[in-house]
Amino acid sequence: MSHPAAARREDLVALYREARGCTACPLSASRTQVVFGNGDADADLIFVGEAPGFHEDRQGVPFVGRAGQLLNELLMENGMSRESVFVLNVLKCRPPENRDPQPDEIATCRPYLDAQVELIEPRVICTLGNFATKLLTRSSAGITRAHGQPQLHSIGGRSVRIYPLFHPAAALRTPRVKEQLREDFSRLPGLLAQACEPPPDPPATGPAEQESRPAADQLGLFG
């Protein structure tokens, strides 16, 4: 059952404060600051990336570089805005030299991600790239195979639609990937419309059922 928005918002702020002081893995020693996430605390749509980069580590906000600019552009093209969604990463601290997240780091940070989903109560989660997609779909299928295919999964105690997308950083490197990302993004408003009613719980066992394709502050809470 959904909790009142004010209570969830208060709990999300408390979670941010907890994460800000986290020293559970070695990344805490090299970070400038924790990059918890930002946006609408009651958003129907969440974007989950991989980890903060250099600029995110400095500013404390996810997706503020060129990849973030592309994400903002795609949102605007489809009638949405950065302020209407919530954006976060699997890891809350930048890995040194932007290396790939390690399994133990992912496992340590996972409870924060689950709690964010539980408190924000999104209807759709867009996973950006391989790490977020494989983690949240619990599948070995990479983004090249999974992109643009909505799936039902249980995350943070909630049944939600996961919509894998290519990472904007990959799209900036490869024109064909950018074209595919733009095409997949164009179906997102329709998927959100379908998700106006909470989706049914996924099966207790077996792989998650796949659906057919449908036609700068932390959190924004502390200003």
N, C-alpha and C. Protein backbone atom coordinates (compact mmCIF):
# COMPACT_ATOMS: atom_id res chain seq x y z
N MET A 1 0.85 -1.19 0.00
CA MET A 1 0.00 0.00 0.00
C MET A 1 0.88 1.24 0.00
N SER A 2 0.50 2.23 -0.79
CA SER A 2 1.28 3.45 -0.88
C SER A 2 1.18 4.25 0.41
N HIS A 3 2.28 4.84 0.82
CA HIS A 3 2.30 5.70 1.98
C HIS A 3 2.09 7.15 1.55
N PRO A 4 1.64 8.02 2.45
CA PRO A 4 1.42 9.43 2.08
C PRO A 4 2.69 10.05 1.51
N ALA A 5 2.49 10.93 0.52
CA ALA A 5 3.63 11.53 -0.18
C ALA A 5 4.54 12.28 0.79
N ALA A 6 3.97 13.00 1.73
CA ALA A 6 4.79 13.79 2.66
C ALA A 6 5.68 12.88 3.50
N ALA A 7 5.15 11.74 3.92
CA ALA A 7 5.94 10.81 4.73
C ALA A 7 7.05 10.19 3.89
N ARG A 8 6.74 9.83 2.65
CA ARG A 8 7.75 9.24 1.77
C ARG A 8 8.86 10.25 1.47
N ARG A 9 8.46 11.49 1.29
CA ARG A 9 9.43 12.56 1.02
C ARG A 9 10.37 12.74 2.21
N GLU A 10 9.82 12.73 3.39
CA GLU A 10 10.63 12.87 4.60
C GLU A 10 11.60 11.70 4.74
N ASP A 11 11.11 10.50 4.45
CA ASP A 11 11.97 9.32 4.53
C ASP A 11 13.06 9.34 3.47
N LEU A 12 12.75 9.91 2.30
CA LEU A 12 13.76 10.00 1.23
C LEU A 12 14.87 10.97 1.63
N VAL A 13 14.51 12.07 2.27
CA VAL A 13 15.51 13.01 2.77
C VAL A 13 16.39 12.33 3.82
N ALA A 14 15.77 11.55 4.70
CA ALA A 14 16.53 10.83 5.72
C ALA A 14 17.48 9.82 5.07
N LEU A 15 17.02 9.17 4.02
CA LEU A 15 17.87 8.21 3.31
C LEU A 15 19.05 8.92 2.66
N TYR A 16 18.80 10.09 2.09
CA TYR A 16 19.89 10.88 1.50
C TYR A 16 20.94 11.22 2.56
N ARG A 17 20.50 11.64 3.71
CA ARG A 17 21.44 12.01 4.76
C ARG A 17 22.25 10.79 5.22
N GLU A 18 21.60 9.64 5.26
CA GLU A 18 22.32 8.41 5.61
C GLU A 18 23.37 8.08 4.55
N ALA A 19 22.96 8.15 3.27
CA ALA A 19 23.89 7.83 2.19
C ALA A 19 25.07 8.80 2.16
N ARG A 20 24.80 10.06 2.47
CA ARG A 20 25.84 11.09 2.44
C ARG A 20 26.99 10.76 3.37
N GLY A 21 26.72 10.03 4.43
CA GLY A 21 27.76 9.67 5.38
C GLY A 21 28.25 8.24 5.25
N CYS A 22 27.84 7.56 4.20
CA CYS A 22 28.17 6.14 4.06
C CYS A 22 29.66 5.93 3.85
N THR A 23 30.23 4.97 4.59
CA THR A 23 31.63 4.56 4.41
C THR A 23 31.72 3.04 4.29
N ALA A 24 30.68 2.43 3.72
CA ALA A 24 30.59 0.97 3.70
C ALA A 24 31.50 0.31 2.68
N CYS A 25 32.01 1.07 1.70
CA CYS A 25 32.94 0.49 0.73
C CYS A 25 34.08 1.47 0.49
N PRO A 26 35.18 1.00 -0.13
CA PRO A 26 36.36 1.87 -0.31
C PRO A 26 36.13 3.10 -1.17
N LEU A 27 35.06 3.14 -1.95
CA LEU A 27 34.80 4.31 -2.79
C LEU A 27 34.60 5.57 -1.95
N SER A 28 34.21 5.40 -0.70
CA SER A 28 33.98 6.56 0.16
C SER A 28 35.27 7.36 0.39
N ALA A 29 36.41 6.69 0.26
CA ALA A 29 37.69 7.36 0.53
C ALA A 29 38.13 8.26 -0.62
N SER A 30 37.63 7.99 -1.82
CA SER A 30 38.09 8.75 -2.99
C SER A 30 37.05 9.72 -3.54
N ARG A 31 35.83 9.63 -3.07
CA ARG A 31 34.78 10.50 -3.61
C ARG A 31 34.95 11.93 -3.12
N THR A 32 34.40 12.87 -3.88
CA THR A 32 34.25 14.24 -3.40
C THR A 32 32.98 14.36 -2.58
N GLN A 33 31.91 13.75 -3.11
CA GLN A 33 30.64 13.70 -2.39
C GLN A 33 29.77 12.59 -2.94
N VAL A 34 28.81 12.19 -2.16
CA VAL A 34 27.84 11.17 -2.59
C VAL A 34 26.90 11.80 -3.61
N VAL A 35 26.60 11.06 -4.66
CA VAL A 35 25.65 11.51 -5.69
C VAL A 35 24.40 10.65 -5.54
N PHE A 36 23.49 11.13 -4.72
CA PHE A 36 22.32 10.34 -4.32
C PHE A 36 21.29 10.25 -5.44
N GLY A 37 21.07 11.34 -6.16
CA GLY A 37 20.04 11.41 -7.18
C GLY A 37 19.30 12.73 -7.06
N ASN A 38 18.54 13.09 -8.09
CA ASN A 38 17.75 14.31 -8.00
C ASN A 38 16.55 14.25 -8.91
N GLY A 39 15.60 15.11 -8.64
CA GLY A 39 14.37 15.17 -9.43
C GLY A 39 13.14 15.21 -8.56
N ASP A 40 12.03 14.76 -9.13
CA ASP A 40 10.72 14.77 -8.48
C ASP A 40 10.61 13.56 -7.56
N ALA A 41 10.44 13.79 -6.27
CA ALA A 41 10.36 12.71 -5.30
C ALA A 41 9.10 11.87 -5.45
N ASP A 42 8.14 12.33 -6.25
CA ASP A 42 6.92 11.56 -6.51
C ASP A 42 6.80 11.19 -7.99
N ALA A 43 7.95 11.07 -8.67
CA ALA A 43 7.94 10.83 -10.11
C ALA A 43 7.38 9.46 -10.46
N ASP A 44 6.66 9.40 -11.58
CA ASP A 44 6.22 8.12 -12.13
C ASP A 44 7.35 7.42 -12.87
N LEU A 45 8.40 8.17 -13.21
CA LEU A 45 9.48 7.65 -14.05
C LEU A 45 10.83 7.90 -13.39
N ILE A 46 11.63 6.83 -13.28
CA ILE A 46 12.99 6.91 -12.76
C ILE A 46 13.96 6.46 -13.85
N PHE A 47 15.10 7.14 -13.93
CA PHE A 47 16.21 6.70 -14.78
C PHE A 47 17.35 6.24 -13.88
N VAL A 48 17.88 5.05 -14.17
CA VAL A 48 18.97 4.49 -13.37
C VAL A 48 20.18 4.29 -14.27
N GLY A 49 21.25 5.04 -13.98
CA GLY A 49 22.49 4.89 -14.72
C GLY A 49 23.46 4.00 -13.98
N GLU A 50 24.74 4.14 -14.31
CA GLU A 50 25.78 3.24 -13.79
C GLU A 50 26.44 3.79 -12.54
N ALA A 51 27.11 4.92 -12.67
CA ALA A 51 27.86 5.50 -11.56
C ALA A 51 28.18 6.95 -11.88
N PRO A 52 28.45 7.76 -10.87
CA PRO A 52 28.83 9.15 -11.14
C PRO A 52 30.16 9.23 -11.88
N GLY A 53 30.31 10.25 -12.71
CA GLY A 53 31.58 10.55 -13.35
C GLY A 53 32.25 11.74 -12.67
N PHE A 54 33.23 12.31 -13.34
CA PHE A 54 34.01 13.41 -12.76
C PHE A 54 33.13 14.59 -12.39
N HIS A 55 32.31 15.07 -13.32
CA HIS A 55 31.50 16.26 -13.07
C HIS A 55 30.42 15.99 -12.04
N GLU A 56 29.85 14.78 -12.08
CA GLU A 56 28.83 14.44 -11.09
C GLU A 56 29.42 14.39 -9.69
N ASP A 57 30.62 13.84 -9.57
CA ASP A 57 31.31 13.77 -8.28
C ASP A 57 31.57 15.16 -7.72
N ARG A 58 31.89 16.10 -8.61
CA ARG A 58 32.17 17.47 -8.16
C ARG A 58 30.89 18.21 -7.78
N GLN A 59 29.84 18.02 -8.57
CA GLN A 59 28.60 18.80 -8.36
C GLN A 59 27.59 18.10 -7.45
N GLY A 60 27.73 16.78 -7.27
CA GLY A 60 26.80 16.05 -6.42
C GLY A 60 25.47 15.76 -7.08
N VAL A 61 25.40 15.89 -8.41
CA VAL A 61 24.15 15.69 -9.16
C VAL A 61 24.42 14.72 -10.30
N PRO A 62 23.55 13.73 -10.54
CA PRO A 62 23.80 12.77 -11.62
C PRO A 62 23.52 13.37 -13.00
N PHE A 63 24.24 12.86 -13.99
CA PHE A 63 24.00 13.22 -15.39
C PHE A 63 24.01 14.72 -15.62
N VAL A 64 25.15 15.34 -15.34
CA VAL A 64 25.29 16.78 -15.57
C VAL A 64 26.25 17.09 -16.72
N GLY A 65 26.92 16.07 -17.27
CA GLY A 65 27.82 16.28 -18.39
C GLY A 65 27.11 16.15 -19.72
N ARG A 66 27.85 15.78 -20.77
CA ARG A 66 27.28 15.68 -22.11
C ARG A 66 26.19 14.60 -22.18
N ALA A 67 26.39 13.50 -21.46
CA ALA A 67 25.36 12.45 -21.45
C ALA A 67 24.07 12.98 -20.81
N GLY A 68 24.23 13.78 -19.77
CA GLY A 68 23.05 14.38 -19.14
C GLY A 68 22.35 15.37 -20.04
N GLN A 69 23.12 16.10 -20.83
CA GLN A 69 22.52 17.04 -21.78
C GLN A 69 21.69 16.30 -22.83
N LEU A 70 22.19 15.14 -23.28
CA LEU A 70 21.43 14.35 -24.23
C LEU A 70 20.16 13.79 -23.59
N LEU A 71 20.28 13.34 -22.35
CA LEU A 71 19.10 12.86 -21.64
C LEU A 71 18.05 13.96 -21.53
N ASN A 72 18.46 15.17 -21.18
CA ASN A 72 17.52 16.28 -21.08
C ASN A 72 16.87 16.58 -22.43
N GLU A 73 17.67 16.51 -23.49
CA GLU A 73 17.16 16.76 -24.84
C GLU A 73 16.10 15.74 -25.23
N LEU A 74 16.35 14.48 -24.94
CA LEU A 74 15.39 13.43 -25.28
C LEU A 74 14.10 13.56 -24.46
N LEU A 75 14.24 13.95 -23.22
CA LEU A 75 13.04 14.19 -22.40
C LEU A 75 12.19 15.29 -23.01
N MET A 76 12.81 16.40 -23.38
CA MET A 76 12.08 17.52 -23.96
C MET A 76 11.42 17.14 -25.28
N GLU A 77 12.10 16.35 -26.10
CA GLU A 77 11.54 15.92 -27.37
C GLU A 77 10.25 15.12 -27.19
N ASN A 78 10.10 14.50 -26.04
CA ASN A 78 8.96 13.64 -25.79
C ASN A 78 8.01 14.20 -24.73
N GLY A 79 8.04 15.52 -24.58
CA GLY A 79 7.07 16.18 -23.73
C GLY A 79 7.30 16.05 -22.25
N MET A 80 8.54 15.74 -21.86
CA MET A 80 8.87 15.61 -20.44
C MET A 80 10.00 16.57 -20.08
N SER A 81 10.32 16.62 -18.81
CA SER A 81 11.42 17.48 -18.37
C SER A 81 12.20 16.76 -17.29
N ARG A 82 13.41 17.23 -17.06
CA ARG A 82 14.25 16.65 -16.01
C ARG A 82 13.58 16.81 -14.65
N GLU A 83 12.85 17.91 -14.47
CA GLU A 83 12.20 18.16 -13.18
C GLU A 83 11.04 17.22 -12.90
N SER A 84 10.51 16.56 -13.93
CA SER A 84 9.34 15.70 -13.76
C SER A 84 9.71 14.24 -13.52
N VAL A 85 11.01 13.90 -13.58
CA VAL A 85 11.46 12.53 -13.38
C VAL A 85 12.47 12.51 -12.24
N PHE A 86 12.93 11.32 -11.88
CA PHE A 86 13.99 11.20 -10.88
C PHE A 86 15.14 10.45 -11.52
N VAL A 87 16.36 10.95 -11.36
CA VAL A 87 17.54 10.38 -12.00
C VAL A 87 18.55 9.98 -10.93
N LEU A 88 19.06 8.77 -11.03
CA LEU A 88 20.02 8.28 -10.06
C LEU A 88 20.94 7.26 -10.73
N ASN A 89 21.88 6.73 -9.97
CA ASN A 89 22.81 5.72 -10.46
C ASN A 89 22.81 4.50 -9.55
N VAL A 90 23.31 3.38 -10.09
CA VAL A 90 23.48 2.18 -9.28
C VAL A 90 24.43 2.46 -8.13
N LEU A 91 25.59 3.06 -8.43
CA LEU A 91 26.55 3.46 -7.40
C LEU A 91 26.33 4.93 -7.06
N LYS A 92 26.51 5.26 -5.82
CA LYS A 92 26.35 6.64 -5.37
C LYS A 92 27.68 7.39 -5.29
N CYS A 93 28.79 6.67 -5.47
CA CYS A 93 30.12 7.28 -5.45
C CYS A 93 30.86 6.96 -6.74
N ARG A 94 31.70 7.88 -7.17
CA ARG A 94 32.45 7.70 -8.41
C ARG A 94 33.56 6.67 -8.25
N PRO A 95 33.61 5.65 -9.13
CA PRO A 95 34.76 4.75 -9.13
C PRO A 95 36.00 5.48 -9.66
N PRO A 96 37.17 5.19 -9.13
CA PRO A 96 38.39 5.87 -9.60
C PRO A 96 38.57 5.73 -11.11
N GLU A 97 38.91 6.84 -11.75
CA GLU A 97 39.15 6.87 -13.20
C GLU A 97 37.94 6.38 -14.01
N ASN A 98 36.77 6.46 -13.40
CA ASN A 98 35.52 6.05 -14.06
C ASN A 98 35.54 4.58 -14.50
N ARG A 99 36.25 3.74 -13.75
CA ARG A 99 36.26 2.32 -14.08
C ARG A 99 34.88 1.72 -13.84
N ASP A 100 34.71 0.47 -14.32
CA ASP A 100 33.43 -0.22 -14.14
C ASP A 100 33.17 -0.49 -12.65
N PRO A 101 31.91 -0.47 -12.24
CA PRO A 101 31.58 -0.85 -10.86
C PRO A 101 31.97 -2.30 -10.59
N GLN A 102 32.42 -2.56 -9.38
CA GLN A 102 32.77 -3.91 -8.97
C GLN A 102 31.58 -4.56 -8.27
N PRO A 103 31.48 -5.91 -8.36
CA PRO A 103 30.33 -6.60 -7.75
C PRO A 103 30.10 -6.26 -6.28
N ASP A 104 31.18 -6.15 -5.50
CA ASP A 104 30.99 -5.85 -4.08
C ASP A 104 30.48 -4.43 -3.87
N GLU A 105 30.89 -3.50 -4.74
CA GLU A 105 30.40 -2.13 -4.66
C GLU A 105 28.91 -2.07 -5.00
N ILE A 106 28.53 -2.80 -6.03
CA ILE A 106 27.12 -2.85 -6.42
C ILE A 106 26.28 -3.43 -5.29
N ALA A 107 26.75 -4.52 -4.70
CA ALA A 107 26.00 -5.16 -3.62
C ALA A 107 25.87 -4.23 -2.42
N THR A 108 26.92 -3.47 -2.13
CA THR A 108 26.88 -2.55 -0.99
C THR A 108 25.89 -1.43 -1.21
N CYS A 109 25.82 -0.92 -2.45
CA CYS A 109 24.95 0.22 -2.76
C CYS A 109 23.51 -0.20 -3.06
N ARG A 110 23.28 -1.46 -3.35
CA ARG A 110 21.96 -1.90 -3.78
C ARG A 110 20.83 -1.54 -2.81
N PRO A 111 21.02 -1.64 -1.49
CA PRO A 111 19.92 -1.28 -0.60
C PRO A 111 19.44 0.16 -0.75
N TYR A 112 20.35 1.08 -1.09
CA TYR A 112 19.93 2.47 -1.31
C TYR A 112 19.02 2.56 -2.54
N LEU A 113 19.39 1.85 -3.60
CA LEU A 113 18.57 1.86 -4.80
C LEU A 113 17.18 1.28 -4.52
N ASP A 114 17.14 0.15 -3.84
CA ASP A 114 15.85 -0.47 -3.51
C ASP A 114 14.99 0.47 -2.67
N ALA A 115 15.62 1.14 -1.70
CA ALA A 115 14.87 2.05 -0.84
C ALA A 115 14.37 3.26 -1.63
N GLN A 116 15.16 3.76 -2.57
CA GLN A 116 14.71 4.88 -3.39
C GLN A 116 13.48 4.50 -4.20
N VAL A 117 13.50 3.31 -4.80
CA VAL A 117 12.33 2.85 -5.57
C VAL A 117 11.11 2.72 -4.66
N GLU A 118 11.32 2.17 -3.49
CA GLU A 118 10.21 1.98 -2.56
C GLU A 118 9.60 3.31 -2.13
N LEU A 119 10.44 4.33 -1.93
CA LEU A 119 9.95 5.61 -1.43
C LEU A 119 9.38 6.50 -2.53
N ILE A 120 9.97 6.46 -3.72
CA ILE A 120 9.48 7.30 -4.82
C ILE A 120 8.23 6.71 -5.46
N GLU A 121 8.13 5.37 -5.45
CA GLU A 121 6.98 4.65 -6.01
C GLU A 121 6.79 4.94 -7.51
N PRO A 122 7.81 4.73 -8.34
CA PRO A 122 7.65 4.96 -9.78
C PRO A 122 6.81 3.88 -10.42
N ARG A 123 6.26 4.19 -11.58
CA ARG A 123 5.53 3.19 -12.37
C ARG A 123 6.45 2.56 -13.41
N VAL A 124 7.46 3.32 -13.85
CA VAL A 124 8.40 2.85 -14.88
C VAL A 124 9.82 3.21 -14.44
N ILE A 125 10.73 2.26 -14.63
CA ILE A 125 12.15 2.50 -14.39
C ILE A 125 12.89 2.27 -15.70
N CYS A 126 13.57 3.29 -16.20
CA CYS A 126 14.43 3.15 -17.38
C CYS A 126 15.85 2.85 -16.91
N THR A 127 16.36 1.70 -17.28
CA THR A 127 17.74 1.36 -16.98
C THR A 127 18.61 1.81 -18.14
N LEU A 128 19.68 2.53 -17.84
CA LEU A 128 20.54 3.10 -18.87
C LEU A 128 21.85 2.31 -18.94
N GLY A 129 21.97 1.47 -19.96
CA GLY A 129 23.19 0.71 -20.15
C GLY A 129 23.19 -0.66 -19.50
N ASN A 130 24.32 -1.36 -19.63
CA ASN A 130 24.41 -2.76 -19.23
C ASN A 130 24.31 -2.99 -17.73
N PHE A 131 25.04 -2.21 -16.94
CA PHE A 131 25.10 -2.50 -15.51
C PHE A 131 23.73 -2.38 -14.85
N ALA A 132 23.05 -1.28 -15.09
CA ALA A 132 21.73 -1.09 -14.48
C ALA A 132 20.73 -2.12 -15.01
N THR A 133 20.81 -2.41 -16.30
CA THR A 133 19.86 -3.35 -16.90
C THR A 133 20.04 -4.76 -16.34
N LYS A 134 21.27 -5.24 -16.32
CA LYS A 134 21.50 -6.60 -15.81
C LYS A 134 21.17 -6.70 -14.32
N LEU A 135 21.47 -5.66 -13.56
CA LEU A 135 21.18 -5.70 -12.14
C LEU A 135 19.68 -5.76 -11.86
N LEU A 136 18.92 -4.87 -12.49
CA LEU A 136 17.50 -4.75 -12.14
C LEU A 136 16.62 -5.78 -12.85
N THR A 137 17.07 -6.31 -13.97
CA THR A 137 16.29 -7.38 -14.62
C THR A 137 16.73 -8.76 -14.16
N ARG A 138 17.82 -8.80 -13.41
CA ARG A 138 18.36 -10.07 -12.93
C ARG A 138 18.58 -11.04 -14.09
N SER A 139 19.15 -10.52 -15.16
CA SER A 139 19.37 -11.30 -16.37
C SER A 139 20.76 -11.02 -16.90
N SER A 140 21.30 -12.00 -17.60
CA SER A 140 22.61 -11.81 -18.24
C SER A 140 22.49 -11.15 -19.60
N ALA A 141 21.26 -10.95 -20.07
CA ALA A 141 21.05 -10.32 -21.37
C ALA A 141 21.54 -8.88 -21.34
N GLY A 142 22.43 -8.54 -22.28
CA GLY A 142 22.98 -7.19 -22.32
C GLY A 142 22.03 -6.21 -22.95
N ILE A 143 22.42 -4.95 -22.95
CA ILE A 143 21.55 -3.88 -23.41
C ILE A 143 21.26 -3.98 -24.91
N THR A 144 22.20 -4.51 -25.69
CA THR A 144 21.98 -4.64 -27.13
C THR A 144 20.79 -5.55 -27.41
N ARG A 145 20.62 -6.56 -26.60
CA ARG A 145 19.50 -7.49 -26.76
C ARG A 145 18.23 -7.00 -26.07
N ALA A 146 18.39 -6.33 -24.92
CA ALA A 146 17.22 -6.02 -24.08
C ALA A 146 16.60 -4.66 -24.36
N HIS A 147 17.30 -3.76 -25.05
CA HIS A 147 16.82 -2.38 -25.16
C HIS A 147 15.43 -2.31 -25.81
N GLY A 148 14.64 -1.38 -25.30
CA GLY A 148 13.32 -1.13 -25.88
C GLY A 148 12.27 -2.17 -25.58
N GLN A 149 12.54 -3.11 -24.67
CA GLN A 149 11.59 -4.18 -24.35
C GLN A 149 11.16 -4.07 -22.89
N PRO A 150 9.96 -3.58 -22.63
CA PRO A 150 9.49 -3.44 -21.24
C PRO A 150 9.35 -4.81 -20.57
N GLN A 151 9.65 -4.83 -19.28
CA GLN A 151 9.54 -6.06 -18.49
C GLN A 151 8.90 -5.73 -17.15
N LEU A 152 8.25 -6.71 -16.56
CA LEU A 152 7.70 -6.55 -15.21
C LEU A 152 8.63 -7.19 -14.20
N HIS A 153 8.98 -6.44 -13.16
CA HIS A 153 9.85 -6.96 -12.11
C HIS A 153 9.43 -6.38 -10.77
N SER A 154 9.86 -7.05 -9.70
CA SER A 154 9.64 -6.55 -8.34
C SER A 154 10.95 -5.96 -7.83
N ILE A 155 10.92 -4.67 -7.47
CA ILE A 155 12.10 -3.97 -6.96
C ILE A 155 11.70 -3.11 -5.77
N GLY A 156 12.46 -3.22 -4.71
CA GLY A 156 12.14 -2.43 -3.53
C GLY A 156 10.75 -2.71 -3.00
N GLY A 157 10.30 -3.94 -3.16
CA GLY A 157 8.98 -4.32 -2.67
C GLY A 157 7.84 -3.87 -3.56
N ARG A 158 8.15 -3.37 -4.78
CA ARG A 158 7.11 -2.89 -5.69
C ARG A 158 7.23 -3.58 -7.03
N SER A 159 6.07 -3.81 -7.65
CA SER A 159 6.05 -4.34 -9.01
C SER A 159 6.06 -3.17 -9.97
N VAL A 160 7.09 -3.11 -10.82
CA VAL A 160 7.26 -1.97 -11.73
C VAL A 160 7.65 -2.46 -13.11
N ARG A 161 7.43 -1.60 -14.10
CA ARG A 161 7.88 -1.88 -15.45
C ARG A 161 9.31 -1.35 -15.61
N ILE A 162 10.18 -2.20 -16.08
CA ILE A 162 11.55 -1.80 -16.39
C ILE A 162 11.68 -1.68 -17.90
N TYR A 163 12.25 -0.57 -18.34
CA TYR A 163 12.40 -0.28 -19.77
C TYR A 163 13.87 -0.02 -20.04
N PRO A 164 14.62 -1.02 -20.52
CA PRO A 164 16.05 -0.84 -20.77
C PRO A 164 16.32 0.08 -21.97
N LEU A 165 17.28 0.97 -21.79
CA LEU A 165 17.69 1.89 -22.85
C LEU A 165 19.21 1.93 -22.93
N PHE A 166 19.73 2.22 -24.12
CA PHE A 166 21.16 2.46 -24.25
C PHE A 166 21.55 3.65 -23.37
N HIS A 167 22.77 3.61 -22.84
CA HIS A 167 23.26 4.72 -22.04
C HIS A 167 23.53 5.91 -22.96
N PRO A 168 23.13 7.12 -22.55
CA PRO A 168 23.41 8.29 -23.40
C PRO A 168 24.87 8.47 -23.75
N ALA A 169 25.79 8.05 -22.86
CA ALA A 169 27.21 8.17 -23.17
C ALA A 169 27.59 7.31 -24.36
N ALA A 170 27.01 6.11 -24.45
CA ALA A 170 27.26 5.24 -25.60
C ALA A 170 26.68 5.85 -26.87
N ALA A 171 25.53 6.51 -26.72
CA ALA A 171 24.89 7.15 -27.87
C ALA A 171 25.74 8.30 -28.41
N LEU A 172 26.44 8.98 -27.53
CA LEU A 172 27.31 10.08 -27.97
C LEU A 172 28.50 9.57 -28.77
N ARG A 173 28.90 8.34 -28.51
CA ARG A 173 30.06 7.77 -29.21
C ARG A 173 29.69 7.15 -30.56
N THR A 174 28.44 6.69 -30.70
CA THR A 174 28.06 5.91 -31.87
C THR A 174 26.74 6.43 -32.44
N PRO A 175 26.75 7.01 -33.63
CA PRO A 175 25.52 7.57 -34.21
C PRO A 175 24.38 6.56 -34.30
N ARG A 176 24.66 5.31 -34.64
CA ARG A 176 23.59 4.32 -34.76
C ARG A 176 22.93 4.05 -33.40
N VAL A 177 23.74 4.03 -32.36
CA VAL A 177 23.19 3.84 -31.01
C VAL A 177 22.32 5.04 -30.61
N LYS A 178 22.76 6.23 -30.97
CA LYS A 178 21.97 7.42 -30.68
C LYS A 178 20.62 7.37 -31.40
N GLU A 179 20.64 6.92 -32.63
CA GLU A 179 19.39 6.79 -33.39
C GLU A 179 18.46 5.79 -32.73
N GLN A 180 19.01 4.66 -32.26
CA GLN A 180 18.19 3.64 -31.60
C GLN A 180 17.66 4.14 -30.25
N LEU A 181 18.50 4.87 -29.51
CA LEU A 181 18.06 5.43 -28.24
C LEU A 181 16.91 6.39 -28.45
N ARG A 182 17.01 7.23 -29.45
CA ARG A 182 15.94 8.18 -29.75
C ARG A 182 14.64 7.44 -30.12
N GLU A 183 14.78 6.37 -30.88
CA GLU A 183 13.59 5.59 -31.27
C GLU A 183 12.95 4.93 -30.06
N ASP A 184 13.76 4.30 -29.21
CA ASP A 184 13.22 3.66 -28.00
C ASP A 184 12.59 4.70 -27.07
N PHE A 185 13.23 5.86 -26.98
CA PHE A 185 12.72 6.93 -26.11
C PHE A 185 11.35 7.40 -26.57
N SER A 186 11.12 7.38 -27.87
CA SER A 186 9.84 7.87 -28.40
C SER A 186 8.67 7.01 -27.95
N ARG A 187 8.93 5.76 -27.53
CA ARG A 187 7.85 4.89 -27.05
C ARG A 187 7.60 5.04 -25.56
N LEU A 188 8.43 5.81 -24.90
CA LEU A 188 8.30 5.95 -23.45
C LEU A 188 7.00 6.62 -23.01
N PRO A 189 6.54 7.70 -23.66
CA PRO A 189 5.25 8.27 -23.23
C PRO A 189 4.10 7.27 -23.29
N GLY A 190 4.08 6.44 -24.32
CA GLY A 190 3.03 5.42 -24.41
C GLY A 190 3.13 4.40 -23.30
N LEU A 191 4.35 4.02 -22.95
CA LEU A 191 4.53 3.07 -21.86
C LEU A 191 4.08 3.67 -20.53
N LEU A 192 4.37 4.94 -20.31
CA LEU A 192 3.91 5.60 -19.09
C LEU A 192 2.39 5.66 -19.03
N ALA A 193 1.78 5.91 -20.19
CA ALA A 193 0.31 5.95 -20.23
C ALA A 193 -0.27 4.58 -19.86
N GLN A 194 0.36 3.52 -20.35
CA GLN A 194 -0.09 2.18 -20.01
C GLN A 194 0.04 1.90 -18.52
N ALA A 195 1.00 2.54 -17.90
CA ALA A 195 1.31 2.27 -16.50
C ALA A 195 0.53 3.15 -15.54
N CYS A 196 -0.52 3.82 -16.01
CA CYS A 196 -1.31 4.67 -15.13
C CYS A 196 -1.90 3.88 -13.97
N GLU A 197 -2.24 2.63 -14.24
CA GLU A 197 -2.69 1.75 -13.18
C GLU A 197 -1.52 0.88 -12.77
N PRO A 198 -1.37 0.60 -11.45
CA PRO A 198 -0.25 -0.23 -11.01
C PRO A 198 -0.27 -1.57 -11.73
N PRO A 199 0.88 -2.05 -12.24
CA PRO A 199 0.92 -3.32 -12.94
C PRO A 199 0.71 -4.48 -11.98
N PRO A 200 0.27 -5.63 -12.48
CA PRO A 200 0.10 -6.79 -11.61
C PRO A 200 1.44 -7.30 -11.11
N ASP A 201 1.40 -8.02 -9.97
CA ASP A 201 2.63 -8.59 -9.46
C ASP A 201 3.17 -9.62 -10.43
N PRO A 202 4.51 -9.67 -10.60
CA PRO A 202 5.10 -10.68 -11.47
C PRO A 202 5.00 -12.06 -10.84
N PRO A 203 5.16 -13.13 -11.61
CA PRO A 203 5.11 -14.48 -11.04
C PRO A 203 6.15 -14.65 -9.95
N ALA A 204 5.84 -15.50 -8.98
CA ALA A 204 6.75 -15.72 -7.85
C ALA A 204 8.00 -16.46 -8.28
N THR A 205 7.90 -17.27 -9.33
CA THR A 205 9.04 -18.03 -9.80
C THR A 205 9.16 -17.88 -11.30
N GLY A 206 10.34 -18.19 -11.81
CA GLY A 206 10.54 -18.14 -13.26
C GLY A 206 10.91 -16.75 -13.71
N PRO A 207 11.30 -16.60 -14.96
CA PRO A 207 11.71 -15.30 -15.49
C PRO A 207 10.55 -14.33 -15.54
N ALA A 208 10.88 -13.07 -15.41
CA ALA A 208 9.84 -12.04 -15.46
C ALA A 208 9.19 -12.02 -16.83
N GLU A 209 7.90 -11.83 -16.84
CA GLU A 209 7.16 -11.77 -18.10
C GLU A 209 7.52 -10.51 -18.86
N GLN A 210 7.80 -10.64 -20.14
CA GLN A 210 8.07 -9.49 -20.97
C GLN A 210 6.81 -9.04 -21.66
N GLU A 211 6.62 -7.73 -21.75
CA GLU A 211 5.50 -7.18 -22.47
C GLU A 211 5.89 -6.93 -23.91
N SER A 212 4.90 -6.86 -24.78
CA SER A 212 5.18 -6.46 -26.15
C SER A 212 5.50 -4.98 -26.19
N ARG A 213 6.21 -4.53 -27.22
CA ARG A 213 6.56 -3.12 -27.34
C ARG A 213 5.31 -2.26 -27.48
N PRO A 214 5.20 -1.20 -26.71
CA PRO A 214 4.07 -0.29 -26.78
C PRO A 214 4.25 0.69 -27.91
N ALA A 215 2.80 1.01 -28.57
CA ALA A 215 2.91 2.01 -29.60
C ALA A 215 4.00 3.07 -29.08
N ALA A 216 19.58 21.44 -10.09
CA ALA A 216 20.92 20.89 -9.82
C ALA A 216 21.24 20.93 -8.37
N ASP A 217 20.20 20.32 -7.74
CA ASP A 217 20.47 20.03 -6.34
C ASP A 217 20.23 18.55 -6.15
N GLN A 218 20.80 17.97 -5.10
CA GLN A 218 20.46 16.63 -4.75
C GLN A 218 18.97 16.59 -4.46
N LEU A 219 18.28 15.61 -5.10
CA LEU A 219 16.87 15.34 -4.85
C LEU A 219 15.92 16.44 -5.32
N GLY A 220 16.36 17.67 -5.35
CA GLY A 220 15.41 18.75 -5.56
C GLY A 220 14.55 18.96 -4.32
N LEU A 221 15.02 18.48 -3.18
CA LEU A 221 14.21 18.57 -1.96
C LEU A 221 14.74 19.59 -0.97
N PHE A 222 15.95 20.09 -1.20
CA PHE A 222 16.61 20.83 -0.15
C PHE A 222 16.74 22.31 -0.42
N GLY A 223 16.09 22.81 -1.47
CA GLY A 223 16.19 24.22 -1.78
C GLY A 223 15.32 25.05 -0.87
